[in-house]
Amino acid sequence: MPAQARAGSAGALQERTAMAALLKLSRIIDALNFRVGKILSWLILVVVLISATNATVRKVFDTSSNAWLELQWVIFGVIFLLCSPWTLMSNEHIRIDIVNNLLPKRWRDSIDVFGHIFFLLPLSLVMIITSTPFFLRSFRINEQSMNAGGLPQWPAKSLILIGFALLFLQGISELIKRIAVMRHVIPDPYTTGGGMHAVMEAEAERVLAAAKESETSTP
């Protein structure tokens, strides 16, 4: 085999190996946010029950508890902030579909990559940086609610930091997958039957096949 061909083959193998490692990282992030979102989604039922109980007690007994009222707000914050990465992973976030669907797929993929790099990831990073001292100050003084009998405030303030940290990780995962789709490494998880699970299985099979091919071609 000529030296140039061997160099090209080695470069292609390194690129496949690097992409496989990045896709493995993407799968880890997806698994984390999927489990977090799946578990915390049950809090929707909890917050409905708490809200209904608060309203019933207030109407029937003409009394209420600030702790229980604030608890339903905190749980809503948990659902909204900590489940948003799962929403992004499932491609259920809001986008301008009327315009987006009129564009060629290559353009749509490029817009996604541009949006992740220049909007989603920077915004998430800014929110992580700014929310860290916001939470730490509240935690150090054990900040309490201004309402009588209310809840501590620092757990609620920590949700901003945790939520955007998870969203930042999911943004990295989505960027990796979108680049892999554009390079035809994996099929598009949003247009393939079986969804994300089927795509990851197909990608794993492709990596194994590439590894076997490299082993057989090695003298």
N, C-alpha and C. Protein backbone atom coordinates (compact mmCIF):
# COMPACT_ATOMS: atom_id res chain seq x y z
N MET A 1 0.85 -1.19 0.00
CA MET A 1 0.00 0.00 0.00
C MET A 1 0.88 1.24 0.00
N PRO A 2 0.65 2.21 -0.91
CA PRO A 2 1.46 3.44 -0.95
C PRO A 2 1.37 4.19 0.37
N ALA A 3 2.45 4.97 0.65
CA ALA A 3 2.51 5.71 1.91
C ALA A 3 1.37 6.70 2.03
N GLN A 4 1.01 7.36 0.89
CA GLN A 4 -0.07 8.35 0.93
C GLN A 4 -1.40 7.70 1.26
N ALA A 5 -1.61 6.49 0.68
CA ALA A 5 -2.86 5.78 0.96
C ALA A 5 -2.91 5.33 2.41
N ARG A 6 -1.75 4.87 2.93
CA ARG A 6 -1.71 4.45 4.32
C ARG A 6 -1.98 5.62 5.26
N ALA A 7 -1.41 6.79 4.93
CA ALA A 7 -1.63 7.98 5.75
C ALA A 7 -3.10 8.39 5.73
N GLY A 8 -3.70 8.30 4.52
CA GLY A 8 -5.12 8.64 4.43
C GLY A 8 -5.98 7.67 5.20
N SER A 9 -5.63 6.38 5.13
CA SER A 9 -6.39 5.37 5.87
C SER A 9 -6.24 5.57 7.37
N ALA A 10 -5.02 5.89 7.81
CA ALA A 10 -4.79 6.14 9.24
C ALA A 10 -5.55 7.37 9.71
N GLY A 11 -5.57 8.42 8.88
CA GLY A 11 -6.30 9.63 9.24
C GLY A 11 -7.80 9.39 9.34
N ALA A 12 -8.31 8.59 8.39
CA ALA A 12 -9.74 8.26 8.42
C ALA A 12 -10.08 7.44 9.66
N LEU A 13 -9.17 6.51 10.00
CA LEU A 13 -9.40 5.69 11.18
C LEU A 13 -9.39 6.53 12.45
N GLN A 14 -8.46 7.49 12.53
CA GLN A 14 -8.41 8.38 13.69
C GLN A 14 -9.67 9.23 13.79
N GLU A 15 -10.15 9.69 12.64
CA GLU A 15 -11.38 10.49 12.64
C GLU A 15 -12.57 9.66 13.11
N ARG A 16 -12.65 8.41 12.64
CA ARG A 16 -13.74 7.53 13.06
C ARG A 16 -13.65 7.24 14.56
N THR A 17 -12.40 7.04 15.04
CA THR A 17 -12.22 6.76 16.46
C THR A 17 -12.63 7.96 17.31
N ALA A 18 -12.23 9.17 16.87
CA ALA A 18 -12.58 10.38 17.61
C ALA A 18 -14.10 10.58 17.62
N MET A 19 -14.74 10.36 16.47
CA MET A 19 -16.19 10.51 16.40
C MET A 19 -16.89 9.47 17.25
N ALA A 20 -16.35 8.25 17.27
CA ALA A 20 -16.94 7.21 18.11
C ALA A 20 -16.86 7.58 19.59
N ALA A 21 -15.72 8.18 19.99
CA ALA A 21 -15.56 8.61 21.38
C ALA A 21 -16.54 9.73 21.72
N LEU A 22 -16.72 10.66 20.78
CA LEU A 22 -17.66 11.76 21.01
C LEU A 22 -19.10 11.25 21.08
N LEU A 23 -19.43 10.30 20.24
CA LEU A 23 -20.78 9.73 20.27
C LEU A 23 -21.02 8.93 21.54
N LYS A 24 -19.96 8.31 22.06
CA LYS A 24 -20.08 7.62 23.35
C LYS A 24 -20.39 8.63 24.45
N LEU A 25 -19.68 9.78 24.42
CA LEU A 25 -19.97 10.84 25.39
C LEU A 25 -21.40 11.33 25.23
N SER A 26 -21.85 11.46 23.99
CA SER A 26 -23.22 11.90 23.73
C SER A 26 -24.23 10.92 24.31
N ARG A 27 -23.96 9.63 24.17
CA ARG A 27 -24.88 8.62 24.71
C ARG A 27 -24.95 8.70 26.24
N ILE A 28 -23.80 8.96 26.87
CA ILE A 28 -23.77 9.08 28.33
C ILE A 28 -24.62 10.28 28.78
N ILE A 29 -24.45 11.42 28.09
CA ILE A 29 -25.23 12.61 28.43
C ILE A 29 -26.71 12.36 28.19
N ASP A 30 -27.04 11.74 27.07
CA ASP A 30 -28.44 11.44 26.76
C ASP A 30 -29.06 10.53 27.82
N ALA A 31 -28.29 9.51 28.24
CA ALA A 31 -28.81 8.58 29.25
C ALA A 31 -29.06 9.30 30.57
N LEU A 32 -28.15 10.21 30.94
CA LEU A 32 -28.30 10.97 32.17
C LEU A 32 -29.56 11.83 32.14
N ASN A 33 -29.69 12.63 31.08
CA ASN A 33 -30.83 13.55 31.01
C ASN A 33 -32.15 12.81 30.76
N PHE A 34 -32.09 11.67 30.08
CA PHE A 34 -33.30 10.88 29.90
C PHE A 34 -33.81 10.37 31.24
N ARG A 35 -32.88 9.84 32.06
CA ARG A 35 -33.30 9.31 33.36
C ARG A 35 -33.79 10.41 34.28
N VAL A 36 -33.07 11.54 34.29
CA VAL A 36 -33.49 12.67 35.13
C VAL A 36 -34.88 13.15 34.71
N GLY A 37 -35.08 13.34 33.40
CA GLY A 37 -36.37 13.82 32.92
C GLY A 37 -37.49 12.83 33.16
N LYS A 38 -37.21 11.55 32.93
CA LYS A 38 -38.23 10.52 33.10
C LYS A 38 -38.68 10.43 34.55
N ILE A 39 -37.72 10.47 35.47
CA ILE A 39 -38.06 10.37 36.90
C ILE A 39 -38.79 11.62 37.37
N LEU A 40 -38.25 12.80 37.02
CA LEU A 40 -38.84 14.04 37.51
C LEU A 40 -40.17 14.36 36.86
N SER A 41 -40.47 13.75 35.72
CA SER A 41 -41.76 14.01 35.09
C SER A 41 -42.92 13.56 35.98
N TRP A 42 -42.66 12.61 36.88
CA TRP A 42 -43.71 12.17 37.82
C TRP A 42 -44.08 13.27 38.80
N LEU A 43 -43.21 14.28 38.93
CA LEU A 43 -43.53 15.39 39.82
C LEU A 43 -44.71 16.21 39.31
N ILE A 44 -45.05 16.06 38.03
CA ILE A 44 -46.24 16.75 37.51
C ILE A 44 -47.48 16.29 38.27
N LEU A 45 -47.57 14.99 38.50
CA LEU A 45 -48.69 14.46 39.28
C LEU A 45 -48.63 14.97 40.71
N VAL A 46 -47.43 15.01 41.29
CA VAL A 46 -47.28 15.48 42.67
C VAL A 46 -47.72 16.92 42.80
N VAL A 47 -47.29 17.78 41.87
CA VAL A 47 -47.63 19.20 41.98
C VAL A 47 -49.12 19.42 41.74
N VAL A 48 -49.74 18.61 40.90
CA VAL A 48 -51.20 18.71 40.70
C VAL A 48 -51.93 18.36 42.00
N LEU A 49 -51.49 17.29 42.66
CA LEU A 49 -52.12 16.88 43.91
C LEU A 49 -51.94 17.94 45.00
N ILE A 50 -50.72 18.50 45.09
CA ILE A 50 -50.46 19.53 46.10
C ILE A 50 -51.29 20.77 45.81
N SER A 51 -51.34 21.17 44.55
CA SER A 51 -52.12 22.36 44.18
C SER A 51 -53.60 22.16 44.47
N ALA A 52 -54.12 20.97 44.13
CA ALA A 52 -55.54 20.69 44.40
C ALA A 52 -55.83 20.66 45.89
N THR A 53 -54.90 20.08 46.66
CA THR A 53 -55.08 20.03 48.11
C THR A 53 -55.04 21.42 48.72
N ASN A 54 -54.09 22.24 48.28
CA ASN A 54 -54.00 23.62 48.78
C ASN A 54 -55.29 24.39 48.51
N ALA A 55 -55.81 24.24 47.27
CA ALA A 55 -57.04 24.95 46.92
C ALA A 55 -58.23 24.45 47.72
N THR A 56 -58.30 23.13 47.93
CA THR A 56 -59.42 22.56 48.69
C THR A 56 -59.40 23.01 50.15
N VAL A 57 -58.20 22.94 50.75
CA VAL A 57 -58.07 23.35 52.15
C VAL A 57 -58.41 24.83 52.31
N ARG A 58 -57.97 25.66 51.35
CA ARG A 58 -58.24 27.09 51.45
C ARG A 58 -59.72 27.38 51.32
N LYS A 59 -60.41 26.68 50.44
CA LYS A 59 -61.84 26.92 50.24
C LYS A 59 -62.70 26.34 51.36
N VAL A 60 -62.34 25.13 51.80
CA VAL A 60 -63.18 24.43 52.79
C VAL A 60 -62.92 24.91 54.20
N PHE A 61 -61.62 25.06 54.55
CA PHE A 61 -61.26 25.39 55.93
C PHE A 61 -60.82 26.84 56.10
N ASP A 62 -60.80 27.60 55.01
CA ASP A 62 -60.42 29.01 55.05
C ASP A 62 -59.05 29.19 55.71
N THR A 63 -58.12 28.34 55.34
CA THR A 63 -56.75 28.44 55.85
C THR A 63 -55.80 27.97 54.77
N SER A 64 -54.54 28.29 54.95
CA SER A 64 -53.54 27.87 53.97
C SER A 64 -52.17 27.81 54.64
N SER A 65 -51.24 27.17 53.96
CA SER A 65 -49.88 27.04 54.46
C SER A 65 -48.91 27.61 53.44
N ASN A 66 -48.10 28.59 53.87
CA ASN A 66 -47.11 29.16 52.96
C ASN A 66 -46.10 28.11 52.50
N ALA A 67 -45.76 27.17 53.38
CA ALA A 67 -44.80 26.13 53.02
C ALA A 67 -45.32 25.29 51.86
N TRP A 68 -46.59 24.88 51.94
CA TRP A 68 -47.15 24.05 50.89
C TRP A 68 -47.37 24.85 49.60
N LEU A 69 -47.72 26.12 49.73
CA LEU A 69 -47.86 26.96 48.54
C LEU A 69 -46.52 27.13 47.83
N GLU A 70 -45.46 27.38 48.60
CA GLU A 70 -44.14 27.56 48.01
C GLU A 70 -43.60 26.24 47.46
N LEU A 71 -43.99 25.14 48.09
CA LEU A 71 -43.53 23.84 47.61
C LEU A 71 -44.00 23.57 46.20
N GLN A 72 -45.24 23.93 45.91
CA GLN A 72 -45.74 23.69 44.55
C GLN A 72 -45.01 24.56 43.54
N TRP A 73 -44.59 25.76 43.93
CA TRP A 73 -43.80 26.61 43.02
C TRP A 73 -42.42 26.00 42.78
N VAL A 74 -41.81 25.49 43.86
CA VAL A 74 -40.48 24.89 43.73
C VAL A 74 -40.53 23.65 42.84
N ILE A 75 -41.54 22.83 43.03
CA ILE A 75 -41.66 21.62 42.21
C ILE A 75 -41.87 21.99 40.75
N PHE A 76 -42.66 23.03 40.49
CA PHE A 76 -42.82 23.50 39.10
C PHE A 76 -41.47 23.92 38.52
N GLY A 77 -40.65 24.60 39.34
CA GLY A 77 -39.31 24.97 38.89
C GLY A 77 -38.44 23.76 38.58
N VAL A 78 -38.56 22.73 39.41
CA VAL A 78 -37.82 21.49 39.17
C VAL A 78 -38.21 20.90 37.82
N ILE A 79 -39.51 20.82 37.57
CA ILE A 79 -40.00 20.23 36.33
C ILE A 79 -39.53 21.05 35.13
N PHE A 80 -39.70 22.35 35.21
CA PHE A 80 -39.38 23.22 34.08
C PHE A 80 -37.89 23.23 33.77
N LEU A 81 -37.06 23.39 34.79
CA LEU A 81 -35.63 23.56 34.57
C LEU A 81 -34.89 22.24 34.36
N LEU A 82 -35.21 21.23 35.15
CA LEU A 82 -34.45 20.00 35.09
C LEU A 82 -34.94 19.03 34.01
N CYS A 83 -36.15 19.25 33.51
CA CYS A 83 -36.65 18.41 32.42
C CYS A 83 -36.42 19.05 31.04
N SER A 84 -35.96 20.30 30.99
CA SER A 84 -35.74 20.95 29.70
C SER A 84 -34.67 20.26 28.85
N PRO A 85 -33.58 19.71 29.44
CA PRO A 85 -32.64 18.96 28.61
C PRO A 85 -33.27 17.74 27.95
N TRP A 86 -34.16 17.06 28.66
CA TRP A 86 -34.87 15.91 28.08
C TRP A 86 -35.74 16.38 26.92
N THR A 87 -36.37 17.54 27.07
CA THR A 87 -37.18 18.11 25.99
C THR A 87 -36.32 18.39 24.76
N LEU A 88 -35.13 18.95 24.98
CA LEU A 88 -34.22 19.22 23.86
C LEU A 88 -33.78 17.92 23.20
N MET A 89 -33.46 16.92 23.98
CA MET A 89 -33.02 15.63 23.45
C MET A 89 -34.12 14.99 22.61
N SER A 90 -35.37 15.17 23.02
CA SER A 90 -36.51 14.58 22.31
C SER A 90 -36.96 15.43 21.14
N ASN A 91 -36.29 16.55 20.89
CA ASN A 91 -36.63 17.46 19.79
C ASN A 91 -38.05 18.01 19.95
N GLU A 92 -38.45 18.26 21.19
CA GLU A 92 -39.78 18.79 21.47
C GLU A 92 -39.75 20.27 21.83
N HIS A 93 -38.57 20.91 21.72
CA HIS A 93 -38.48 22.33 22.03
C HIS A 93 -39.10 23.14 20.90
N ILE A 94 -39.42 24.39 21.21
CA ILE A 94 -40.11 25.24 20.25
C ILE A 94 -39.13 25.72 19.19
N ARG A 95 -39.51 25.58 17.94
CA ARG A 95 -38.73 26.14 16.84
C ARG A 95 -39.72 26.69 15.80
N ILE A 96 -39.21 27.51 14.88
CA ILE A 96 -40.07 28.11 13.86
C ILE A 96 -40.20 27.11 12.72
N ASP A 97 -41.09 26.13 12.89
CA ASP A 97 -41.21 25.04 11.93
C ASP A 97 -41.69 25.51 10.56
N ILE A 98 -42.48 26.58 10.52
CA ILE A 98 -43.02 27.05 9.24
C ILE A 98 -41.87 27.42 8.30
N VAL A 99 -40.86 28.10 8.84
CA VAL A 99 -39.71 28.49 8.04
C VAL A 99 -38.73 27.33 7.92
N ASN A 100 -38.50 26.66 9.03
CA ASN A 100 -37.49 25.61 9.08
C ASN A 100 -37.77 24.48 8.09
N ASN A 101 -39.04 24.09 7.97
CA ASN A 101 -39.40 22.97 7.11
C ASN A 101 -39.29 23.29 5.62
N LEU A 102 -39.22 24.57 5.28
CA LEU A 102 -39.09 24.96 3.88
C LEU A 102 -37.65 24.89 3.38
N LEU A 103 -36.72 24.76 4.29
CA LEU A 103 -35.30 24.77 3.93
C LEU A 103 -34.80 23.36 3.64
N PRO A 104 -33.76 23.22 2.81
CA PRO A 104 -33.15 21.90 2.60
C PRO A 104 -32.59 21.35 3.91
N LYS A 105 -32.51 20.04 4.00
CA LYS A 105 -32.07 19.41 5.24
C LYS A 105 -30.67 19.88 5.64
N ARG A 106 -29.78 20.04 4.66
CA ARG A 106 -28.42 20.48 4.96
C ARG A 106 -28.43 21.84 5.64
N TRP A 107 -29.31 22.72 5.17
CA TRP A 107 -29.44 24.04 5.78
C TRP A 107 -29.99 23.93 7.20
N ARG A 108 -30.99 23.06 7.38
CA ARG A 108 -31.57 22.90 8.72
C ARG A 108 -30.54 22.37 9.70
N ASP A 109 -29.73 21.42 9.26
CA ASP A 109 -28.67 20.89 10.12
C ASP A 109 -27.65 21.98 10.45
N SER A 110 -27.30 22.80 9.45
CA SER A 110 -26.34 23.88 9.68
C SER A 110 -26.89 24.92 10.65
N ILE A 111 -28.19 25.21 10.53
CA ILE A 111 -28.82 26.15 11.46
C ILE A 111 -28.78 25.60 12.89
N ASP A 112 -29.03 24.31 13.03
CA ASP A 112 -28.97 23.68 14.36
C ASP A 112 -27.57 23.80 14.95
N VAL A 113 -26.55 23.50 14.14
CA VAL A 113 -25.17 23.59 14.62
C VAL A 113 -24.83 25.03 15.00
N PHE A 114 -25.21 25.98 14.14
CA PHE A 114 -24.96 27.40 14.43
C PHE A 114 -25.67 27.82 15.71
N GLY A 115 -26.93 27.41 15.86
CA GLY A 115 -27.69 27.78 17.06
C GLY A 115 -27.10 27.20 18.32
N HIS A 116 -26.65 25.95 18.27
CA HIS A 116 -26.05 25.33 19.45
C HIS A 116 -24.75 26.03 19.84
N ILE A 117 -23.91 26.32 18.84
CA ILE A 117 -22.59 26.90 19.12
C ILE A 117 -22.70 28.35 19.59
N PHE A 118 -23.51 29.14 18.93
CA PHE A 118 -23.51 30.58 19.17
C PHE A 118 -24.65 31.08 20.06
N PHE A 119 -25.62 30.25 20.37
CA PHE A 119 -26.73 30.69 21.20
C PHE A 119 -26.94 29.80 22.42
N LEU A 120 -27.24 28.53 22.20
CA LEU A 120 -27.58 27.64 23.32
C LEU A 120 -26.42 27.47 24.29
N LEU A 121 -25.26 27.07 23.79
CA LEU A 121 -24.13 26.82 24.68
C LEU A 121 -23.63 28.09 25.37
N PRO A 122 -23.45 29.23 24.67
CA PRO A 122 -23.04 30.45 25.37
C PRO A 122 -24.05 30.92 26.42
N LEU A 123 -25.35 30.86 26.08
CA LEU A 123 -26.37 31.28 27.05
C LEU A 123 -26.33 30.38 28.28
N SER A 124 -26.24 29.07 28.07
CA SER A 124 -26.18 28.15 29.20
C SER A 124 -24.96 28.41 30.05
N LEU A 125 -23.83 28.69 29.41
CA LEU A 125 -22.59 28.96 30.15
C LEU A 125 -22.71 30.24 30.97
N VAL A 126 -23.29 31.27 30.38
CA VAL A 126 -23.49 32.53 31.10
C VAL A 126 -24.40 32.31 32.31
N MET A 127 -25.46 31.54 32.13
CA MET A 127 -26.38 31.28 33.24
C MET A 127 -25.70 30.46 34.35
N ILE A 128 -24.84 29.53 33.96
CA ILE A 128 -24.11 28.75 34.97
C ILE A 128 -23.19 29.66 35.77
N ILE A 129 -22.46 30.52 35.07
CA ILE A 129 -21.49 31.41 35.73
C ILE A 129 -22.20 32.40 36.65
N THR A 130 -23.29 32.98 36.19
CA THR A 130 -23.98 34.00 36.99
C THR A 130 -24.83 33.40 38.11
N SER A 131 -25.34 32.19 37.91
CA SER A 131 -26.19 31.60 38.94
C SER A 131 -25.40 30.95 40.06
N THR A 132 -24.11 30.69 39.83
CA THR A 132 -23.29 30.06 40.88
C THR A 132 -23.15 30.95 42.11
N PRO A 133 -22.69 32.22 41.98
CA PRO A 133 -22.65 33.07 43.19
C PRO A 133 -24.03 33.38 43.73
N PHE A 134 -25.03 33.45 42.88
CA PHE A 134 -26.41 33.69 43.29
C PHE A 134 -26.86 32.59 44.25
N PHE A 135 -26.54 31.35 43.91
CA PHE A 135 -26.90 30.22 44.77
C PHE A 135 -26.01 30.15 46.01
N LEU A 136 -24.70 30.36 45.84
CA LEU A 136 -23.77 30.22 46.96
C LEU A 136 -24.05 31.23 48.06
N ARG A 137 -24.37 32.47 47.67
CA ARG A 137 -24.70 33.48 48.69
C ARG A 137 -25.91 33.05 49.50
N SER A 138 -26.92 32.55 48.80
CA SER A 138 -28.13 32.10 49.49
C SER A 138 -27.85 30.90 50.39
N PHE A 139 -26.99 30.00 49.94
CA PHE A 139 -26.67 28.81 50.72
C PHE A 139 -25.88 29.16 51.98
N ARG A 140 -24.93 30.10 51.84
CA ARG A 140 -24.07 30.46 52.98
C ARG A 140 -24.88 31.06 54.13
N ILE A 141 -25.86 31.88 53.80
CA ILE A 141 -26.64 32.53 54.86
C ILE A 141 -27.90 31.73 55.20
N ASN A 142 -28.05 30.56 54.55
CA ASN A 142 -29.24 29.74 54.77
C ASN A 142 -30.50 30.58 54.59
N GLU A 143 -30.59 31.21 53.43
CA GLU A 143 -31.68 32.16 53.15
C GLU A 143 -33.04 31.49 53.29
N GLN A 144 -33.93 32.16 53.98
CA GLN A 144 -35.27 31.65 54.23
C GLN A 144 -36.31 32.50 53.50
N SER A 145 -37.49 31.96 53.38
CA SER A 145 -38.57 32.68 52.73
C SER A 145 -38.97 33.91 53.54
N MET A 146 -39.40 34.95 52.84
CA MET A 146 -39.89 36.15 53.51
C MET A 146 -41.30 35.95 54.04
N ASN A 147 -41.96 34.88 53.63
CA ASN A 147 -43.31 34.58 54.11
C ASN A 147 -43.24 33.74 55.38
N ALA A 148 -44.12 34.00 56.30
CA ALA A 148 -44.14 33.26 57.56
C ALA A 148 -44.39 31.77 57.29
N GLY A 149 -43.51 30.95 57.88
CA GLY A 149 -43.66 29.51 57.71
C GLY A 149 -43.27 29.01 56.35
N GLY A 150 -42.58 29.84 55.57
CA GLY A 150 -42.16 29.44 54.22
C GLY A 150 -40.96 28.52 54.22
N LEU A 151 -40.49 28.18 53.04
CA LEU A 151 -39.39 27.24 52.87
C LEU A 151 -38.06 27.96 52.71
N PRO A 152 -36.94 27.26 52.93
CA PRO A 152 -35.63 27.83 52.61
C PRO A 152 -35.54 28.16 51.12
N GLN A 153 -34.82 29.22 50.80
CA GLN A 153 -34.76 29.69 49.42
C GLN A 153 -33.62 29.10 48.60
N TRP A 154 -32.53 28.67 49.27
CA TRP A 154 -31.37 28.23 48.50
C TRP A 154 -31.62 26.96 47.69
N PRO A 155 -32.46 26.00 48.12
CA PRO A 155 -32.71 24.85 47.23
C PRO A 155 -33.35 25.27 45.91
N ALA A 156 -34.28 26.22 45.98
CA ALA A 156 -34.93 26.69 44.76
C ALA A 156 -33.93 27.41 43.86
N LYS A 157 -33.03 28.19 44.44
CA LYS A 157 -32.05 28.92 43.64
C LYS A 157 -31.01 27.99 43.03
N SER A 158 -30.80 26.84 43.64
CA SER A 158 -29.84 25.87 43.06
C SER A 158 -30.37 25.27 41.77
N LEU A 159 -31.69 25.31 41.57
CA LEU A 159 -32.28 24.71 40.38
C LEU A 159 -31.81 25.40 39.10
N ILE A 160 -31.56 26.71 39.18
CA ILE A 160 -31.09 27.44 38.00
C ILE A 160 -29.73 26.90 37.57
N LEU A 161 -28.83 26.75 38.54
CA LEU A 161 -27.49 26.25 38.25
C LEU A 161 -27.54 24.82 37.71
N ILE A 162 -28.28 23.96 38.39
CA ILE A 162 -28.35 22.55 37.98
C ILE A 162 -29.02 22.42 36.62
N GLY A 163 -30.13 23.14 36.43
CA GLY A 163 -30.86 23.04 35.18
C GLY A 163 -30.04 23.46 33.98
N PHE A 164 -29.33 24.59 34.08
CA PHE A 164 -28.55 25.06 32.94
C PHE A 164 -27.27 24.24 32.76
N ALA A 165 -26.75 23.64 33.83
CA ALA A 165 -25.61 22.73 33.68
C ALA A 165 -26.02 21.51 32.86
N LEU A 166 -27.18 20.94 33.17
CA LEU A 166 -27.68 19.80 32.40
C LEU A 166 -28.01 20.21 30.97
N LEU A 167 -28.56 21.40 30.79
CA LEU A 167 -28.88 21.89 29.45
C LEU A 167 -27.61 22.11 28.64
N PHE A 168 -26.54 22.60 29.28
CA PHE A 168 -25.26 22.78 28.60
C PHE A 168 -24.72 21.44 28.11
N LEU A 169 -24.79 20.43 28.98
CA LEU A 169 -24.33 19.09 28.58
C LEU A 169 -25.16 18.56 27.41
N GLN A 170 -26.48 18.76 27.48
CA GLN A 170 -27.32 18.26 26.40
C GLN A 170 -27.05 19.01 25.10
N GLY A 171 -26.73 20.30 25.20
CA GLY A 171 -26.36 21.07 24.02
C GLY A 171 -25.13 20.49 23.35
N ILE A 172 -24.14 20.07 24.15
CA ILE A 172 -22.94 19.43 23.60
C ILE A 172 -23.31 18.12 22.91
N SER A 173 -24.17 17.34 23.56
CA SER A 173 -24.61 16.08 22.97
C SER A 173 -25.32 16.30 21.64
N GLU A 174 -26.22 17.27 21.59
CA GLU A 174 -26.96 17.54 20.35
C GLU A 174 -26.02 18.03 19.26
N LEU A 175 -25.02 18.82 19.62
CA LEU A 175 -24.04 19.30 18.65
C LEU A 175 -23.25 18.13 18.06
N ILE A 176 -22.82 17.22 18.92
CA ILE A 176 -22.08 16.03 18.46
C ILE A 176 -22.93 15.23 17.48
N LYS A 177 -24.18 14.97 17.85
CA LYS A 177 -25.05 14.16 17.00
C LYS A 177 -25.34 14.85 15.67
N ARG A 178 -25.53 16.18 15.70
CA ARG A 178 -25.85 16.88 14.47
C ARG A 178 -24.65 16.86 13.51
N ILE A 179 -23.44 17.02 14.06
CA ILE A 179 -22.24 16.94 13.21
C ILE A 179 -22.09 15.53 12.65
N ALA A 180 -22.35 14.52 13.48
CA ALA A 180 -22.27 13.12 13.02
C ALA A 180 -23.29 12.86 11.92
N VAL A 181 -24.46 13.44 12.02
CA VAL A 181 -25.49 13.28 10.97
C VAL A 181 -25.02 13.94 9.68
N MET A 182 -24.45 15.14 9.78
CA MET A 182 -23.99 15.86 8.60
C MET A 182 -22.84 15.14 7.90
N ARG A 183 -22.06 14.37 8.67
CA ARG A 183 -20.96 13.59 8.09
C ARG A 183 -21.40 12.18 7.72
N HIS A 184 -22.68 11.90 7.83
CA HIS A 184 -23.25 10.60 7.48
C HIS A 184 -22.66 9.47 8.32
N VAL A 185 -22.32 9.80 9.56
CA VAL A 185 -21.81 8.79 10.47
C VAL A 185 -22.97 8.03 11.10
N ILE A 186 -24.03 8.75 11.45
CA ILE A 186 -25.24 8.14 12.00
C ILE A 186 -26.45 8.69 11.25
N PRO A 187 -27.54 7.93 11.20
CA PRO A 187 -28.77 8.49 10.61
C PRO A 187 -29.36 9.57 11.52
N ASP A 188 -30.18 10.42 10.94
CA ASP A 188 -30.79 11.49 11.72
C ASP A 188 -31.75 10.88 12.75
N PRO A 189 -31.52 11.12 14.05
CA PRO A 189 -32.39 10.51 15.07
C PRO A 189 -33.81 11.04 15.05
N TYR A 190 -34.04 12.17 14.39
CA TYR A 190 -35.37 12.76 14.39
C TYR A 190 -36.18 12.40 13.15
N THR A 191 -35.56 11.71 12.20
CA THR A 191 -36.28 11.30 10.99
C THR A 191 -36.20 9.80 10.78
N THR A 192 -35.57 9.08 11.72
CA THR A 192 -35.38 7.64 11.58
C THR A 192 -36.40 6.90 12.41
N GLY A 193 -36.98 5.85 11.88
CA GLY A 193 -37.90 5.01 12.64
C GLY A 193 -37.18 4.38 13.82
N GLY A 194 -37.84 4.36 14.96
CA GLY A 194 -37.21 3.81 16.16
C GLY A 194 -36.61 4.87 17.04
N GLY A 195 -36.44 6.09 16.51
CA GLY A 195 -35.96 7.19 17.33
C GLY A 195 -34.51 7.06 17.73
N MET A 196 -34.19 7.71 18.87
CA MET A 196 -32.81 7.79 19.33
C MET A 196 -32.22 6.42 19.64
N HIS A 197 -33.00 5.53 20.19
CA HIS A 197 -32.49 4.22 20.57
C HIS A 197 -32.02 3.46 19.34
N ALA A 198 -32.80 3.49 18.28
CA ALA A 198 -32.43 2.79 17.05
C ALA A 198 -31.18 3.40 16.43
N VAL A 199 -31.06 4.72 16.51
CA VAL A 199 -29.88 5.38 15.95
C VAL A 199 -28.62 4.97 16.70
N MET A 200 -28.71 4.92 18.03
CA MET A 200 -27.54 4.55 18.81
C MET A 200 -27.14 3.10 18.56
N GLU A 201 -28.12 2.23 18.35
CA GLU A 201 -27.80 0.85 18.03
C GLU A 201 -27.10 0.76 16.67
N ALA A 202 -27.61 1.50 15.70
CA ALA A 202 -26.99 1.51 14.37
C ALA A 202 -25.58 2.06 14.43
N GLU A 203 -25.39 3.09 15.24
CA GLU A 203 -24.05 3.68 15.36
C GLU A 203 -23.09 2.72 16.03
N ALA A 204 -23.56 1.99 17.04
CA ALA A 204 -22.71 1.01 17.71
C ALA A 204 -22.29 -0.10 16.76
N GLU A 205 -23.24 -0.56 15.93
CA GLU A 205 -22.92 -1.58 14.95
C GLU A 205 -21.90 -1.06 13.94
N ARG A 206 -22.03 0.20 13.54
CA ARG A 206 -21.09 0.77 12.58
C ARG A 206 -19.68 0.85 13.17
N VAL A 207 -19.58 1.25 14.46
CA VAL A 207 -18.27 1.33 15.11
C VAL A 207 -17.63 -0.04 15.22
N LEU A 208 -18.42 -1.05 15.56
CA LEU A 208 -17.89 -2.41 15.66
C LEU A 208 -17.41 -2.90 14.30
N ALA A 209 -18.17 -2.60 13.25
CA ALA A 209 -17.76 -3.01 11.91
C ALA A 209 -16.47 -2.33 11.49
N ALA A 210 -16.35 -1.02 11.84
CA ALA A 210 -15.13 -0.29 11.50
C ALA A 210 -13.94 -0.85 12.27
N ALA A 211 -14.16 -1.24 13.53
CA ALA A 211 -13.07 -1.81 14.32
C ALA A 211 -12.61 -3.14 13.74
N LYS A 212 -13.58 -3.99 13.32
CA LYS A 212 -13.22 -5.27 12.72
C LYS A 212 -12.46 -5.08 11.41
N GLU A 213 -12.91 -4.06 10.63
CA GLU A 213 -12.25 -3.78 9.36
C GLU A 213 -10.81 -3.33 9.57
N SER A 214 -10.58 -2.50 10.62
CA SER A 214 -9.22 -2.04 10.89
C SER A 214 -8.33 -3.18 11.36
N GLU A 215 -8.93 -4.13 12.11
CA GLU A 215 -8.15 -5.27 12.58
C GLU A 215 -7.72 -6.17 11.42
N THR A 216 -8.64 -6.38 10.49
CA THR A 216 -8.32 -7.25 9.36
C THR A 216 -7.33 -6.61 8.40
N SER A 217 -7.34 -5.26 8.33
CA SER A 217 -6.43 -4.57 7.41
C SER A 217 -5.06 -4.34 8.00
N THR A 218 -4.93 -4.54 9.32
CA THR A 218 -3.63 -4.35 9.97
C THR A 218 -2.75 -5.55 9.68
N PRO A 219 -1.52 -5.33 9.14
CA PRO A 219 -0.64 -6.46 8.83
C PRO A 219 -0.18 -7.17 10.10
